[in-house]
Amino acid sequence: MIASRKVDRLKSAVTEIRSSLPDCNIDYVECNIRKEESVKSLMSATLKQYGKIDFLVNNGGGQFFSPAADFNLKGWNAVVETNLTGTFLCIKEAYHQYMSEHGGAIVNITVDNFTGLPGMSHSGAARAGVENLSKTLAVEWADNGIRLNCVAPGNSIYSDTAAANYGAARDSSIFERSMPLIPLGRLGNPEEISAAVCYLLSPAASFVTGTTMIVDGGECVEHCGKWPTGRNNTKAYSWEEDASEKDESAGPKSKL
């Protein structure tokens, strides 16, 4: 089940996923995560259709560029309510409606803000709250068989949606100014974030809880000191290329 305030985007996403994964039983629910009743309806609809909620990924969020001194209270509250309060409401409702009795895995998307987040201090503060909330509930809810972790994308994760939201292009300063700070020498992409999420949801991470996985190409440790590197000598993962390579490598199938 996927959810958003914008039904047109939900329909488009469902169509895209069904076209690439024909056997995927996916549906959507319109939901405003800042509204408690809307979140309750999301969880209830999911349980009605699928009978369980094994996983929850909180990747809804929003922010805008601005110096902190220029924030008005309305803008500050909008970002904090979406990024922090919305995450809390989804976590709490998944717990009460299903996970408290059956366990589950929760992944919260934060941001690589460990050295501050100039220009987006509202989002940095809210995401820091999400990270601490995740650590706290990882302890409180361990007896319920619930694991909570975070994935923190770097500031250098490029997507068409992000570019459109910020009125930027791939080679604009918003993204490219990060390049000299990335030891792996390139921008990241959404597939590389989703791969981290899938790991934390999977049985492979059954002994991982209360932690944050940073996916930023080493940007957060670059300040430790410069080191000569060739840069840009790694390859980005993409679903399309992965599927293409599998098709090409598939030989004749033998019968046992």
Protein backbone atom coordinates (compact mmCIF):
# COMPACT_ATOMS: atom_id res chain seq x y z
CA MET A 1 0.00 0.00 0.00
CA ILE A 2 1.31 3.45 -0.87
CA ALA A 3 -0.10 6.73 0.36
CA SER A 4 0.10 10.42 -0.43
CA ARG A 5 -2.02 13.56 -0.44
CA LYS A 6 -1.85 13.69 -4.26
CA VAL A 7 -4.02 11.08 -5.93
CA ASP A 8 -2.65 11.73 -9.43
CA ARG A 9 0.86 10.83 -8.27
CA LEU A 10 -0.43 7.72 -6.53
CA LYS A 11 -2.20 6.53 -9.66
CA SER A 12 0.89 7.16 -11.75
CA ALA A 13 3.11 5.28 -9.29
CA VAL A 14 0.76 2.30 -9.14
CA THR A 15 0.63 2.12 -12.94
CA GLU A 16 4.42 2.26 -13.18
CA ILE A 17 4.97 -0.41 -10.53
CA ARG A 18 2.36 -2.74 -12.02
CA SER A 19 3.96 -2.41 -15.45
CA SER A 20 7.38 -3.46 -14.15
CA LEU A 21 6.10 -5.97 -11.56
CA PRO A 22 2.96 -7.55 -13.03
CA ASP A 23 2.47 -9.88 -10.06
CA CYS A 24 2.69 -7.06 -7.50
CA ASN A 25 -0.54 -6.60 -5.55
CA ILE A 26 -0.27 -2.86 -4.97
CA ASP A 27 -2.90 -0.27 -4.18
CA TYR A 28 -3.04 3.27 -2.81
CA VAL A 29 -4.85 5.36 -0.23
CA GLU A 30 -5.10 9.12 -0.18
CA CYS A 31 -3.65 10.28 3.13
CA ASN A 32 -2.43 13.45 4.81
CA ILE A 33 0.07 12.22 7.39
CA ARG A 34 -0.33 15.45 9.38
CA LYS A 35 -3.94 14.49 10.17
CA GLU A 36 -4.42 11.74 12.76
CA GLU A 37 -7.79 10.56 11.41
CA SER A 38 -6.33 10.33 7.91
CA VAL A 39 -3.48 8.15 9.19
CA LYS A 40 -5.91 5.94 11.08
CA SER A 41 -7.90 5.44 7.87
CA LEU A 42 -4.72 4.53 5.98
CA MET A 43 -3.81 1.79 8.43
CA SER A 44 -7.38 0.51 8.63
CA ALA A 45 -7.69 0.36 4.84
CA THR A 46 -4.38 -1.51 4.60
CA LEU A 47 -5.47 -4.07 7.16
CA LYS A 48 -8.85 -4.49 5.49
CA GLN A 49 -7.25 -5.20 2.13
CA TYR A 50 -4.13 -7.16 3.10
CA GLY A 51 -4.84 -8.43 6.60
CA LYS A 52 -1.52 -7.33 8.07
CA ILE A 53 1.12 -4.60 8.21
CA ASP A 54 4.52 -6.28 8.30
CA PHE A 55 6.49 -3.23 7.20
CA LEU A 56 6.16 0.53 7.43
CA VAL A 57 8.35 2.97 5.50
CA ASN A 58 7.95 6.62 6.44
CA ASN A 59 9.33 8.50 3.46
CA GLY A 60 6.87 11.37 3.35
CA GLY A 61 8.37 14.78 3.91
CA GLY A 62 8.83 18.28 2.65
CA GLN A 63 10.96 21.36 3.13
CA PHE A 64 12.15 24.50 1.41
CA PHE A 65 15.39 26.45 1.25
CA SER A 66 15.60 29.43 3.58
CA PRO A 67 17.94 30.92 6.17
CA ALA A 68 16.58 30.16 9.64
CA ALA A 69 16.29 33.87 10.43
CA ASP A 70 13.71 34.24 7.66
CA PHE A 71 11.35 31.45 8.76
CA ASN A 72 7.86 32.40 9.82
CA LEU A 73 6.03 30.18 12.26
CA LYS A 74 3.68 28.81 9.60
CA GLY A 75 6.57 27.57 7.46
CA TRP A 76 8.40 26.10 10.43
CA ASN A 77 5.31 24.27 11.68
CA ALA A 78 4.47 22.91 8.23
CA VAL A 79 7.88 21.25 7.90
CA VAL A 80 8.00 19.92 11.47
CA GLU A 81 4.42 18.61 11.30
CA THR A 82 5.11 16.78 8.05
CA ASN A 83 8.57 15.38 8.78
CA LEU A 84 8.31 14.67 12.51
CA THR A 85 4.67 14.65 13.60
CA GLY A 86 3.52 12.81 10.48
CA THR A 87 6.13 10.12 11.03
CA PHE A 88 5.11 9.77 14.66
CA LEU A 89 1.42 9.41 13.78
CA CYS A 90 2.15 6.66 11.24
CA ILE A 91 4.41 4.78 13.65
CA LYS A 92 1.92 5.02 16.50
CA GLU A 93 -1.04 3.90 14.42
CA ALA A 94 0.81 0.95 12.88
CA TYR A 95 1.74 -0.07 16.41
CA HIS A 96 -1.77 0.13 17.82
CA GLN A 97 -3.59 -1.40 14.86
CA TYR A 98 -1.23 -4.32 14.19
CA MET A 99 2.45 -4.37 15.17
CA SER A 100 2.04 -4.34 18.95
CA GLU A 101 0.68 -7.90 18.73
CA HIS A 102 2.47 -9.19 15.65
CA GLY A 103 5.81 -7.41 15.41
CA GLY A 104 7.18 -5.75 12.31
CA ALA A 105 9.90 -3.59 10.84
CA ILE A 106 9.82 0.19 10.45
CA VAL A 107 12.21 2.34 8.42
CA ASN A 108 12.14 6.12 8.69
CA ILE A 109 13.79 8.27 6.04
CA THR A 110 15.76 11.12 7.59
CA VAL A 111 18.63 13.10 6.07
CA ASP A 112 22.40 13.32 6.32
CA ASN A 113 22.34 16.24 8.76
CA PHE A 114 25.05 15.09 11.12
CA THR A 115 27.17 18.18 10.57
CA GLY A 116 24.15 20.50 10.43
CA LEU A 117 21.88 21.39 7.53
CA PRO A 118 22.38 25.06 6.60
CA GLY A 119 19.48 26.46 4.61
CA MET A 120 17.11 23.76 5.87
CA SER A 121 17.41 23.93 9.62
CA HIS A 122 13.69 23.24 10.04
CA SER A 123 14.03 19.92 8.24
CA GLY A 124 17.32 19.09 9.97
CA ALA A 125 15.73 19.63 13.38
CA ALA A 126 12.64 17.58 12.51
CA ARG A 127 14.67 14.69 11.07
CA ALA A 128 16.93 14.68 14.11
CA GLY A 129 13.76 14.26 16.15
CA VAL A 130 12.75 11.30 13.98
CA GLU A 131 16.13 9.67 14.52
CA ASN A 132 15.91 10.03 18.30
CA LEU A 133 12.31 8.81 18.27
CA SER A 134 13.40 5.74 16.31
CA LYS A 135 16.16 4.93 18.80
CA THR A 136 13.81 5.37 21.72
CA LEU A 137 11.04 3.20 20.30
CA ALA A 138 13.56 0.55 19.23
CA VAL A 139 14.05 0.02 22.97
CA GLU A 140 10.45 0.52 24.10
CA TRP A 141 9.02 -1.80 21.47
CA ALA A 142 11.72 -4.48 21.32
CA ASP A 143 9.57 -6.80 23.44
CA ASN A 144 6.86 -6.48 20.80
CA GLY A 145 9.19 -7.81 18.11
CA ILE A 146 9.37 -4.44 16.34
CA ARG A 147 12.58 -3.15 14.78
CA LEU A 148 12.99 0.56 13.99
CA ASN A 149 15.80 2.00 11.91
CA CYS A 150 16.52 5.08 9.81
CA VAL A 151 18.03 5.63 6.40
CA ALA A 152 19.73 8.99 5.94
CA PRO A 153 20.23 9.97 2.28
CA GLY A 154 23.00 12.41 1.53
CA ASN A 155 22.40 15.87 0.15
CA SER A 156 23.72 14.55 -3.15
CA ILE A 157 20.91 12.11 -4.00
CA TYR A 158 19.50 13.22 -7.34
CA SER A 159 15.95 12.55 -8.50
CA ASP A 160 13.76 14.23 -11.08
CA THR A 161 11.18 14.94 -8.37
CA ALA A 162 13.71 16.67 -6.14
CA ALA A 163 15.00 18.69 -9.07
CA ALA A 164 11.47 19.78 -9.96
CA ASN A 165 10.66 20.71 -6.36
CA TYR A 166 13.72 22.91 -6.07
CA GLY A 167 13.62 24.26 -9.61
CA ALA A 168 17.01 22.75 -10.33
CA ALA A 169 18.76 20.70 -12.98
CA ARG A 170 21.11 17.80 -12.42
CA ASP A 171 24.13 20.00 -13.09
CA SER A 172 22.88 22.92 -10.99
CA SER A 173 24.73 24.14 -7.92
CA ILE A 174 22.15 22.51 -5.63
CA PHE A 175 23.52 19.09 -6.57
CA GLU A 176 26.89 19.73 -8.12
CA ARG A 177 28.27 21.71 -5.19
CA SER A 178 28.29 18.41 -3.29
CA MET A 179 30.54 16.69 -5.82
CA PRO A 180 33.92 17.80 -4.39
CA LEU A 181 32.79 16.48 -0.98
CA ILE A 182 31.87 12.97 -2.14
CA PRO A 183 34.71 10.43 -1.99
CA LEU A 184 32.88 8.17 -4.47
CA GLY A 185 32.83 11.07 -6.90
CA ARG A 186 29.24 11.08 -8.16
CA LEU A 187 25.65 11.78 -7.23
CA GLY A 188 23.51 9.03 -5.76
CA ASN A 189 20.08 7.95 -6.96
CA PRO A 190 16.79 6.78 -5.40
CA GLU A 191 17.46 3.11 -6.15
CA GLU A 192 20.46 3.24 -3.84
CA ILE A 193 18.25 4.56 -1.05
CA SER A 194 15.56 1.94 -1.64
CA ALA A 195 18.18 -0.82 -1.55
CA ALA A 196 19.17 0.27 1.95
CA VAL A 197 15.52 0.35 2.99
CA CYS A 198 14.90 -3.15 1.64
CA TYR A 199 17.90 -4.48 3.56
CA LEU A 200 16.65 -3.02 6.85
CA LEU A 201 13.18 -4.48 6.26
CA SER A 202 14.52 -7.90 5.36
CA PRO A 203 15.43 -10.89 7.57
CA ALA A 204 19.07 -10.10 6.76
CA ALA A 205 18.74 -7.20 9.22
CA SER A 206 16.94 -9.21 11.90
CA PHE A 207 19.54 -8.18 14.50
CA VAL A 208 19.65 -4.52 13.48
CA THR A 209 17.52 -1.98 15.32
CA GLY A 210 17.83 1.57 16.62
CA THR A 211 20.44 2.60 14.09
CA THR A 212 20.81 4.94 11.13
CA MET A 213 22.27 3.87 7.80
CA ILE A 214 23.85 6.82 6.00
CA VAL A 215 23.79 6.58 2.20
CA ASP A 216 25.84 9.50 0.93
CA GLY A 217 28.89 8.19 -0.93
CA GLY A 218 31.09 9.03 2.06
CA GLU A 219 30.17 12.72 2.12
CA CYS A 220 29.70 12.77 5.91
CA VAL A 221 33.27 11.55 6.53
CA GLU A 222 35.01 13.68 3.91
CA HIS A 223 35.78 16.33 6.54
CA CYS A 224 38.13 13.84 8.23
CA GLY A 225 40.80 14.81 5.73
CA LYS A 226 41.49 14.96 2.04
CA TRP A 227 42.87 11.86 0.38
CA PRO A 228 43.94 11.53 -3.26
CA THR A 229 41.25 9.72 -5.24
CA GLY A 230 40.40 9.20 -8.87
CA ARG A 231 36.78 10.16 -8.25
CA ASN A 232 33.84 9.04 -10.33
CA ASN A 233 35.07 5.47 -10.71
CA THR A 234 32.01 3.71 -9.29
CA LYS A 235 28.82 2.81 -11.06
CA ALA A 236 25.32 3.74 -9.90
CA TYR A 237 22.80 0.96 -9.41
CA SER A 238 19.57 1.18 -11.40
CA TRP A 239 16.60 -1.15 -11.68
CA GLU A 240 16.46 -0.94 -15.46
CA GLU A 241 20.08 -1.88 -15.99
CA ASP A 242 19.92 -4.64 -13.42
CA ALA A 243 16.90 -6.19 -15.16
CA SER A 244 18.57 -5.82 -18.57
CA GLU A 245 21.74 -7.56 -17.41
CA LYS A 246 19.72 -10.42 -15.95
CA ASP A 247 17.86 -10.87 -19.23
CA GLU A 248 21.09 -10.90 -21.22
CA SER A 249 22.82 -13.34 -18.89
CA ALA A 250 19.91 -15.77 -18.78
CA GLY A 251 20.87 -18.80 -20.80
CA PRO A 252 18.75 -21.76 -21.86
CA LYS A 253 16.87 -23.23 -18.92
CA SER A 254 17.38 -26.93 -18.29
CA LYS A 255 14.75 -29.21 -16.83
CA LEU A 256 15.60 -31.30 -13.79
